[in-house]
Amino acid sequence: MRFIHTADWQLGLKLRYLSPEKAAQLRLLRFQTVRAIGALAQEARADAVLVAGDVLDDNGLGRDTLQQASDALRSFGDIPVGLLPGNHDAATEDGALARLELPPNVSVLARREPIRFGDALVYPCPLMRRHETDDPTAWLAQRAAGEGIRIAVAHGGVINFSDDADSIVPNLIDADRVLAKGFDYLALGDWHGTFRYNARAWYSGAPEPTRFKELEPGGILIVDIDAPGSAPRVERRHVAQTHWLTLDREMIEDCQVAELRAHLEALPERSRTLVNLRVRGAVSMAARDALEALVEEYGERLAYLTADTGELLTRPLPQDLATMTGEGFMAAGVERLLAGESAADTDALQLLYRLRREVADATA
């Protein structure tokens, strides 16, 4: 039995931190990623594709997004595809998955009863509401005599991270108990990074990242199980269309601003790249001005750029101050700002430096 384990597509993701145009572009890329998974499933000759929850981002999605999802699902050809309701698209009466127009080979796994996929019996553990207080896998039965390959599909966490042992953690799954009942594999969704709980229980991770802090997103798993009781062979494949980068730069020389520009310029697909930039250290006023211009420029060229310069100090050099020389009020103001120790003083001095530079450039 060979199948694709994937999860957390979150088609229709809002991406509110992006401009409307860029958010629309990245939402479209998610449907392209689904098509890439379909092509990979056919190339790998998979017997089935199991999506372990959060196929869609929201149960309130409109017909346009549902149509795009339906069109993308046709890329799997005649390979059986099972869509498990997760916390974003729980199996409520008016849920989005229930309104999705499905190709003949695609089914929504909204019932807690086994269904055959190829040589395996798949046991879905759908979420019937966004937050389940009971373990959604609790209904699973012990292996029956002569039963073939058994796969459980669930959406939730397998580790209780709460400090309060008595607290109720929604959608908490007891993976060890599931495997003790004789399951050959537990296909998990909800955590967006690929994670091996043990040899028989895996999170595939989201095929497209949703935030910078996720560990190893962007992949799917190809799983082979030869026979009941056989150890699964799991291979991860990267499928993401977008690139999420975290850059941490400590600057002690002005030339490092140019090095950062060269790094951004060398990115292969800037329109599909999101960057989380942190800059610390100390630079001259001229370099700080160049950095701010760089952030503004690449904020438009990249799909997204967030820049944290809160730990970057500005150290005025003699040539910086030479551009702000003056008499009377101007000289006194510069002296007061230089003597100040607050961030507001530094910002004001940098603004004054920029204004003087702009005036000089305009009159040159």
Protein backbone atom coordinates (compact mmCIF):
# COMPACT_ATOMS: atom_id res chain seq x y z
CA MET A 1 0.00 0.00 0.00
CA ARG A 2 1.46 3.37 -1.03
CA PHE A 3 -0.31 6.57 -0.12
CA ILE A 4 0.30 10.30 0.15
CA HIS A 5 -0.10 11.74 3.64
CA THR A 6 -0.74 15.48 3.61
CA ALA A 7 -2.67 17.98 5.76
CA ASP A 8 -3.37 21.61 6.53
CA TRP A 9 -3.83 22.93 3.01
CA GLN A 10 -5.96 25.78 4.41
CA LEU A 11 -7.20 26.79 0.99
CA GLY A 12 -8.68 30.29 1.12
CA LEU A 13 -6.30 31.46 3.86
CA LYS A 14 -6.97 35.15 4.55
CA LEU A 15 -3.34 36.40 4.81
CA ARG A 16 -4.53 39.70 6.28
CA TYR A 17 -0.99 40.98 6.85
CA LEU A 18 -0.44 41.19 3.08
CA SER A 19 -1.75 43.74 0.63
CA PRO A 20 -4.95 42.58 -1.11
CA GLU A 21 -3.08 41.97 -4.37
CA LYS A 22 -0.28 39.94 -2.80
CA ALA A 23 -2.70 38.01 -0.58
CA ALA A 24 -4.69 37.01 -3.68
CA GLN A 25 -1.49 35.89 -5.41
CA LEU A 26 -0.40 33.69 -2.49
CA ARG A 27 -3.89 32.21 -2.11
CA LEU A 28 -3.74 31.22 -5.77
CA LEU A 29 -0.35 29.57 -5.23
CA ARG A 30 -1.92 27.26 -2.63
CA PHE A 31 -4.22 25.82 -5.29
CA GLN A 32 -1.18 25.35 -7.53
CA THR A 33 0.48 23.45 -4.68
CA VAL A 34 -2.52 21.10 -4.51
CA ARG A 35 -2.09 20.48 -8.24
CA ALA A 36 1.60 19.76 -7.63
CA ILE A 37 0.61 17.19 -4.98
CA GLY A 38 -1.79 15.65 -7.50
CA ALA A 39 0.96 15.38 -10.10
CA LEU A 40 3.31 13.87 -7.51
CA ALA A 41 0.68 11.33 -6.44
CA GLN A 42 0.29 10.17 -10.03
CA GLU A 43 4.05 10.11 -10.62
CA ALA A 44 4.54 8.03 -7.46
CA ARG A 45 1.64 5.75 -8.44
CA ALA A 46 0.00 6.27 -5.07
CA ASP A 47 -2.95 4.07 -4.18
CA ALA A 48 -4.60 6.88 -2.23
CA VAL A 49 -4.17 10.40 -0.87
CA LEU A 50 -5.19 11.16 2.72
CA VAL A 51 -5.57 14.80 3.80
CA ALA A 52 -5.50 14.87 7.60
CA GLY A 53 -7.68 17.91 8.25
CA ASP A 54 -7.89 21.63 7.47
CA VAL A 55 -8.33 21.20 3.75
CA LEU A 56 -10.06 24.58 3.81
CA ASP A 57 -9.26 27.56 6.00
CA ASP A 58 -12.78 28.49 7.02
CA ASN A 59 -16.27 27.01 7.02
CA GLY A 60 -17.58 30.34 5.78
CA LEU A 61 -15.70 30.32 2.47
CA GLY A 62 -17.57 31.54 -0.59
CA ARG A 63 -18.38 29.76 -3.81
CA ASP A 64 -15.37 31.20 -5.64
CA THR A 65 -12.89 29.55 -3.27
CA LEU A 66 -14.86 26.30 -3.20
CA GLN A 67 -14.85 26.23 -7.00
CA GLN A 68 -11.09 26.71 -7.10
CA ALA A 69 -10.68 23.90 -4.56
CA SER A 70 -12.91 21.61 -6.59
CA ASP A 71 -10.96 22.36 -9.76
CA ALA A 72 -7.62 21.70 -8.02
CA LEU A 73 -8.84 18.34 -6.69
CA ARG A 74 -9.37 17.11 -10.25
CA SER A 75 -5.59 17.06 -10.67
CA PHE A 76 -5.49 13.74 -8.76
CA GLY A 77 -7.04 11.92 -11.71
CA ASP A 78 -8.72 8.73 -10.55
CA ILE A 79 -6.59 8.28 -7.40
CA PRO A 80 -8.89 7.98 -4.34
CA VAL A 81 -8.61 11.06 -2.12
CA GLY A 82 -9.96 11.34 1.43
CA LEU A 83 -10.54 14.77 3.00
CA LEU A 84 -10.74 14.77 6.81
CA PRO A 85 -12.56 17.67 8.53
CA GLY A 86 -10.22 19.51 10.92
CA ASN A 87 -10.64 22.41 13.30
CA HIS A 88 -10.77 24.98 10.46
CA ASP A 89 -13.31 23.02 8.40
CA ALA A 90 -15.08 20.94 11.05
CA ALA A 91 -17.88 18.62 9.96
CA THR A 92 -20.73 20.92 10.95
CA GLU A 93 -24.04 20.74 9.16
CA ASP A 94 -23.26 23.77 6.98
CA GLY A 95 -19.50 23.20 6.81
CA ALA A 96 -17.52 24.17 3.72
CA LEU A 97 -16.49 20.58 2.96
CA ALA A 98 -20.17 19.61 2.82
CA ARG A 99 -20.71 22.35 0.18
CA LEU A 100 -17.68 21.35 -1.88
CA GLU A 101 -18.43 19.90 -5.32
CA LEU A 102 -16.33 16.73 -5.36
CA PRO A 103 -14.89 14.74 -8.25
CA PRO A 104 -15.99 11.07 -8.18
CA ASN A 105 -12.69 9.88 -6.68
CA VAL A 106 -12.77 12.34 -3.74
CA SER A 107 -14.71 11.78 -0.53
CA VAL A 108 -15.11 13.74 2.71
CA LEU A 109 -14.25 11.56 5.71
CA ALA A 110 -16.93 13.05 7.96
CA ARG A 111 -18.15 9.80 9.53
CA ARG A 112 -16.39 7.81 12.23
CA GLU A 113 -16.47 4.52 10.39
CA PRO A 114 -13.83 2.66 8.38
CA ILE A 115 -13.61 3.09 4.63
CA ARG A 116 -11.51 1.07 2.21
CA PHE A 117 -8.73 2.77 0.26
CA GLY A 118 -6.83 0.29 -1.91
CA ASP A 119 -5.45 -2.51 0.27
CA ALA A 120 -6.06 -0.65 3.52
CA LEU A 121 -8.92 0.17 5.82
CA VAL A 122 -8.82 3.85 6.73
CA TYR A 123 -10.35 4.92 10.03
CA PRO A 124 -11.24 8.65 9.94
CA CYS A 125 -11.38 10.67 13.15
CA PRO A 126 -13.05 13.88 11.95
CA LEU A 127 -13.60 16.90 14.16
CA MET A 128 -17.32 17.51 14.43
CA ARG A 129 -16.73 20.99 15.85
CA ARG A 130 -13.76 23.34 15.98
CA HIS A 131 -12.77 22.29 19.50
CA GLU A 132 -13.46 18.75 20.71
CA THR A 133 -13.03 18.17 24.42
CA ASP A 134 -12.83 14.38 23.94
CA ASP A 135 -10.09 12.56 22.06
CA PRO A 136 -11.39 12.25 18.46
CA THR A 137 -9.62 8.87 18.17
CA ALA A 138 -11.37 7.37 21.21
CA TRP A 139 -13.89 5.52 19.02
CA LEU A 140 -11.21 3.41 17.30
CA ALA A 141 -11.50 -0.33 17.95
CA GLN A 142 -8.87 -2.99 18.56
CA ARG A 143 -7.60 -4.86 15.51
CA ALA A 144 -9.89 -7.73 14.54
CA ALA A 145 -8.52 -11.13 13.56
CA GLY A 146 -7.53 -11.28 9.89
CA GLU A 147 -7.89 -7.52 9.39
CA GLY A 148 -5.52 -6.08 6.80
CA ILE A 149 -3.54 -2.83 6.81
CA ARG A 150 -5.13 -0.29 9.16
CA ILE A 151 -4.57 3.47 8.91
CA ALA A 152 -6.05 6.04 11.29
CA VAL A 153 -6.38 9.68 10.20
CA ALA A 154 -6.77 12.39 12.84
CA HIS A 155 -6.34 16.12 13.41
CA GLY A 156 -5.05 17.53 16.69
CA GLY A 157 -2.11 17.53 19.10
CA VAL A 158 -0.35 14.50 20.55
CA ILE A 159 1.50 16.39 23.29
CA ASN A 160 -0.12 18.40 26.09
CA PHE A 161 1.97 21.56 26.40
CA SER A 162 -0.17 23.01 29.18
CA ASP A 163 1.42 23.57 32.60
CA ASP A 164 -1.90 22.69 34.22
CA ALA A 165 -2.33 18.92 34.26
CA ASP A 166 -6.06 19.30 34.93
CA SER A 167 -6.70 21.72 32.06
CA ILE A 168 -8.79 20.58 29.10
CA VAL A 169 -6.79 20.73 25.88
CA PRO A 170 -9.02 20.62 22.80
CA ASN A 171 -8.43 18.03 20.07
CA LEU A 172 -5.82 16.17 22.14
CA ILE A 173 -4.92 12.76 20.68
CA ASP A 174 -3.49 9.78 22.57
CA ALA A 175 -1.28 8.45 19.77
CA ASP A 176 0.15 5.62 21.85
CA ARG A 177 -3.31 4.30 22.60
CA VAL A 178 -4.22 4.40 18.90
CA LEU A 179 -1.15 2.39 17.89
CA ALA A 180 -1.69 -0.07 20.75
CA LYS A 181 -4.98 -1.00 19.09
CA GLY A 182 -3.10 -2.45 16.15
CA PHE A 183 -2.91 0.40 13.67
CA ASP A 184 -0.11 0.31 11.15
CA TYR A 185 0.02 4.08 10.71
CA LEU A 186 -1.48 7.21 12.26
CA ALA A 187 -1.68 10.09 9.76
CA LEU A 188 -1.82 13.33 11.72
CA GLY A 189 -2.62 16.92 10.87
CA ASP A 190 -2.70 20.24 12.75
CA TRP A 191 1.02 20.86 13.35
CA HIS A 192 2.36 22.64 10.28
CA GLY A 193 5.88 21.23 10.40
CA THR A 194 6.81 17.69 9.46
CA PHE A 195 7.18 15.76 12.73
CA ARG A 196 7.88 12.12 13.46
CA TYR A 197 6.16 11.15 16.71
CA ASN A 198 7.38 7.59 16.25
CA ALA A 199 7.86 5.14 13.39
CA ARG A 200 4.10 4.74 12.89
CA ALA A 201 2.77 8.21 13.74
CA TRP A 202 3.70 11.28 11.70
CA TYR A 203 2.61 14.82 11.05
CA SER A 204 3.06 15.55 7.36
CA GLY A 205 3.18 19.29 7.97
CA ALA A 206 1.48 21.92 5.83
CA PRO A 207 2.46 21.93 2.14
CA GLU A 208 2.53 25.75 2.29
CA PRO A 209 3.84 27.61 5.36
CA THR A 210 1.56 30.04 7.19
CA ARG A 211 4.00 31.71 9.59
CA PHE A 212 7.73 32.11 10.09
CA LYS A 213 8.00 30.16 13.34
CA GLU A 214 6.88 26.85 11.80
CA LEU A 215 9.54 24.12 11.72
CA GLU A 216 9.93 22.21 8.45
CA PRO A 217 6.68 23.09 6.69
CA GLY A 218 6.26 22.83 2.93
CA GLY A 219 6.23 19.07 2.48
CA ILE A 220 4.12 15.93 2.04
CA LEU A 221 4.87 12.31 2.97
CA ILE A 222 4.93 9.28 0.70
CA VAL A 223 4.17 6.25 2.89
CA ASP A 224 4.64 2.61 1.95
CA ILE A 225 3.24 -0.24 4.06
CA ASP A 226 3.90 -3.70 2.61
CA ALA A 227 1.62 -5.74 4.87
CA PRO A 228 -0.20 -5.62 8.21
CA GLY A 229 2.37 -5.13 10.95
CA SER A 230 5.13 -4.06 8.55
CA ALA A 231 7.10 -0.96 9.48
CA PRO A 232 6.04 2.02 7.35
CA ARG A 233 8.62 3.53 5.00
CA VAL A 234 8.18 7.29 4.98
CA GLU A 235 9.71 9.71 2.48
CA ARG A 236 9.28 13.47 2.70
CA ARG A 237 8.95 15.54 -0.48
CA HIS A 238 9.10 19.33 -0.62
CA VAL A 239 6.22 20.88 -2.60
CA ALA A 240 5.86 24.48 -1.39
CA GLN A 241 5.48 27.24 -3.97
CA THR A 242 6.45 30.00 -1.52
CA HIS A 243 9.72 30.65 0.29
CA TRP A 244 9.75 31.87 3.91
CA LEU A 245 13.08 33.19 5.16
CA THR A 246 14.18 34.50 8.55
CA LEU A 247 17.29 36.66 8.32
CA ASP A 248 19.15 37.76 11.45
CA ARG A 249 21.92 40.26 10.73
CA GLU A 250 24.32 41.84 13.21
CA MET A 251 25.86 44.90 11.56
CA ILE A 252 29.13 46.37 12.75
CA GLU A 253 30.24 47.81 9.42
CA ASP A 254 28.35 50.00 6.98
CA CYS A 255 29.25 47.72 4.06
CA GLN A 256 26.94 45.07 5.52
CA VAL A 257 23.93 47.03 4.28
CA ALA A 258 25.19 46.51 0.72
CA GLU A 259 25.78 42.82 1.52
CA LEU A 260 22.17 42.51 2.69
CA ARG A 261 20.99 44.14 -0.55
CA ALA A 262 23.05 41.66 -2.57
CA HIS A 263 21.53 38.76 -0.60
CA LEU A 264 17.98 39.95 -1.30
CA GLU A 265 18.82 40.64 -4.92
CA ALA A 266 20.06 37.06 -5.34
CA LEU A 267 16.78 35.50 -4.18
CA PRO A 268 15.42 33.48 -7.13
CA GLU A 269 11.69 34.20 -6.81
CA ARG A 270 11.21 37.41 -4.88
CA SER A 271 7.50 37.70 -5.72
CA ARG A 272 7.00 34.34 -3.92
CA THR A 273 9.34 35.06 -1.02
CA LEU A 274 8.40 36.28 2.45
CA VAL A 275 11.19 37.60 4.67
CA ASN A 276 11.35 38.14 8.42
CA LEU A 277 14.34 40.46 8.88
CA ARG A 278 16.02 41.34 12.17
CA VAL A 279 18.92 43.79 12.16
CA ARG A 280 20.95 44.63 15.25
CA GLY A 281 24.32 46.20 15.98
CA ALA A 282 25.41 49.75 15.11
CA VAL A 283 25.82 51.64 11.83
CA SER A 284 26.39 55.20 10.70
CA MET A 285 23.56 57.56 9.87
CA ALA A 286 24.27 57.17 6.16
CA ALA A 287 24.09 53.38 6.45
CA ARG A 288 20.91 53.58 8.53
CA ASP A 289 19.36 55.75 5.85
CA ALA A 290 20.41 53.25 3.17
CA LEU A 291 18.95 50.39 5.23
CA GLU A 292 15.59 52.12 5.59
CA ALA A 293 15.50 52.77 1.85
CA LEU A 294 16.35 49.09 1.28
CA VAL A 295 13.50 47.94 3.54
CA GLU A 296 11.05 50.23 1.77
CA GLU A 297 12.13 49.02 -1.69
CA TYR A 298 12.05 45.31 -0.91
CA GLY A 299 8.83 45.67 1.00
CA GLU A 300 7.33 46.29 -2.43
CA ARG A 301 9.41 43.78 -4.40
CA LEU A 302 9.02 40.79 -2.08
CA ALA A 303 5.73 39.08 -1.36
CA TYR A 304 6.19 40.29 2.22
CA LEU A 305 8.92 41.88 4.33
CA THR A 306 8.83 42.60 8.03
CA ALA A 307 11.87 44.32 9.52
CA ASP A 308 12.79 44.62 13.20
CA THR A 309 15.50 47.26 13.72
CA GLY A 310 14.72 47.92 17.36
CA GLU A 311 18.19 46.72 18.45
CA LEU A 312 20.08 48.61 15.76
CA LEU A 313 21.97 51.63 17.10
CA THR A 314 22.91 54.67 15.06
CA ARG A 315 26.37 56.10 15.64
CA PRO A 316 26.82 59.44 13.87
CA LEU A 317 30.17 59.73 12.10
CA PRO A 318 31.91 63.05 11.45
CA GLN A 319 30.85 62.94 7.80
CA ASP A 320 27.24 62.40 8.90
CA LEU A 321 27.34 65.43 11.14
CA ALA A 322 29.02 67.49 8.46
CA THR A 323 25.85 67.32 6.39
CA MET A 324 23.89 68.88 9.25
CA THR A 325 26.15 71.80 10.10
CA GLY A 326 24.45 75.08 10.65
CA GLU A 327 24.22 78.04 12.93
CA GLY A 328 21.93 79.19 15.69
CA PHE A 329 18.75 77.13 15.99
CA MET A 330 19.97 74.30 13.73
CA ALA A 331 23.28 73.84 15.55
CA ALA A 332 21.61 73.98 18.96
CA GLY A 333 19.01 71.44 17.90
CA VAL A 334 21.63 69.00 16.61
CA GLU A 335 23.63 69.34 19.85
CA ARG A 336 20.55 68.62 21.97
CA LEU A 337 19.69 65.54 19.90
CA LEU A 338 23.27 64.28 20.09
CA ALA A 339 23.20 64.66 23.86
CA GLY A 340 19.87 62.84 24.15
CA GLU A 341 19.71 59.16 25.05
CA SER A 342 16.16 58.26 24.05
CA ALA A 343 15.06 56.46 20.90
CA ALA A 344 13.03 59.55 19.98
CA ASP A 345 16.21 61.65 19.94
CA THR A 346 17.91 59.15 17.66
CA ASP A 347 14.90 59.01 15.33
CA ALA A 348 14.73 62.81 15.18
CA LEU A 349 18.43 63.07 14.37
CA GLN A 350 18.07 60.46 11.64
CA LEU A 351 15.07 62.33 10.17
CA LEU A 352 17.00 65.57 10.21
CA TYR A 353 19.89 63.84 8.46
CA ARG A 354 17.57 62.53 5.77
CA LEU A 355 15.91 65.90 5.23
CA ARG A 356 19.27 67.63 4.85
CA ARG A 357 20.36 64.95 2.37
CA GLU A 358 17.19 65.37 0.33
CA VAL A 359 17.59 69.14 0.24
CA ALA A 360 21.21 68.74 -0.84
CA ASP A 361 20.27 66.30 -3.59
CA ALA A 362 17.46 68.55 -4.82
CA THR A 363 19.71 71.58 -5.10
CA ALA A 364 22.70 69.76 -6.57
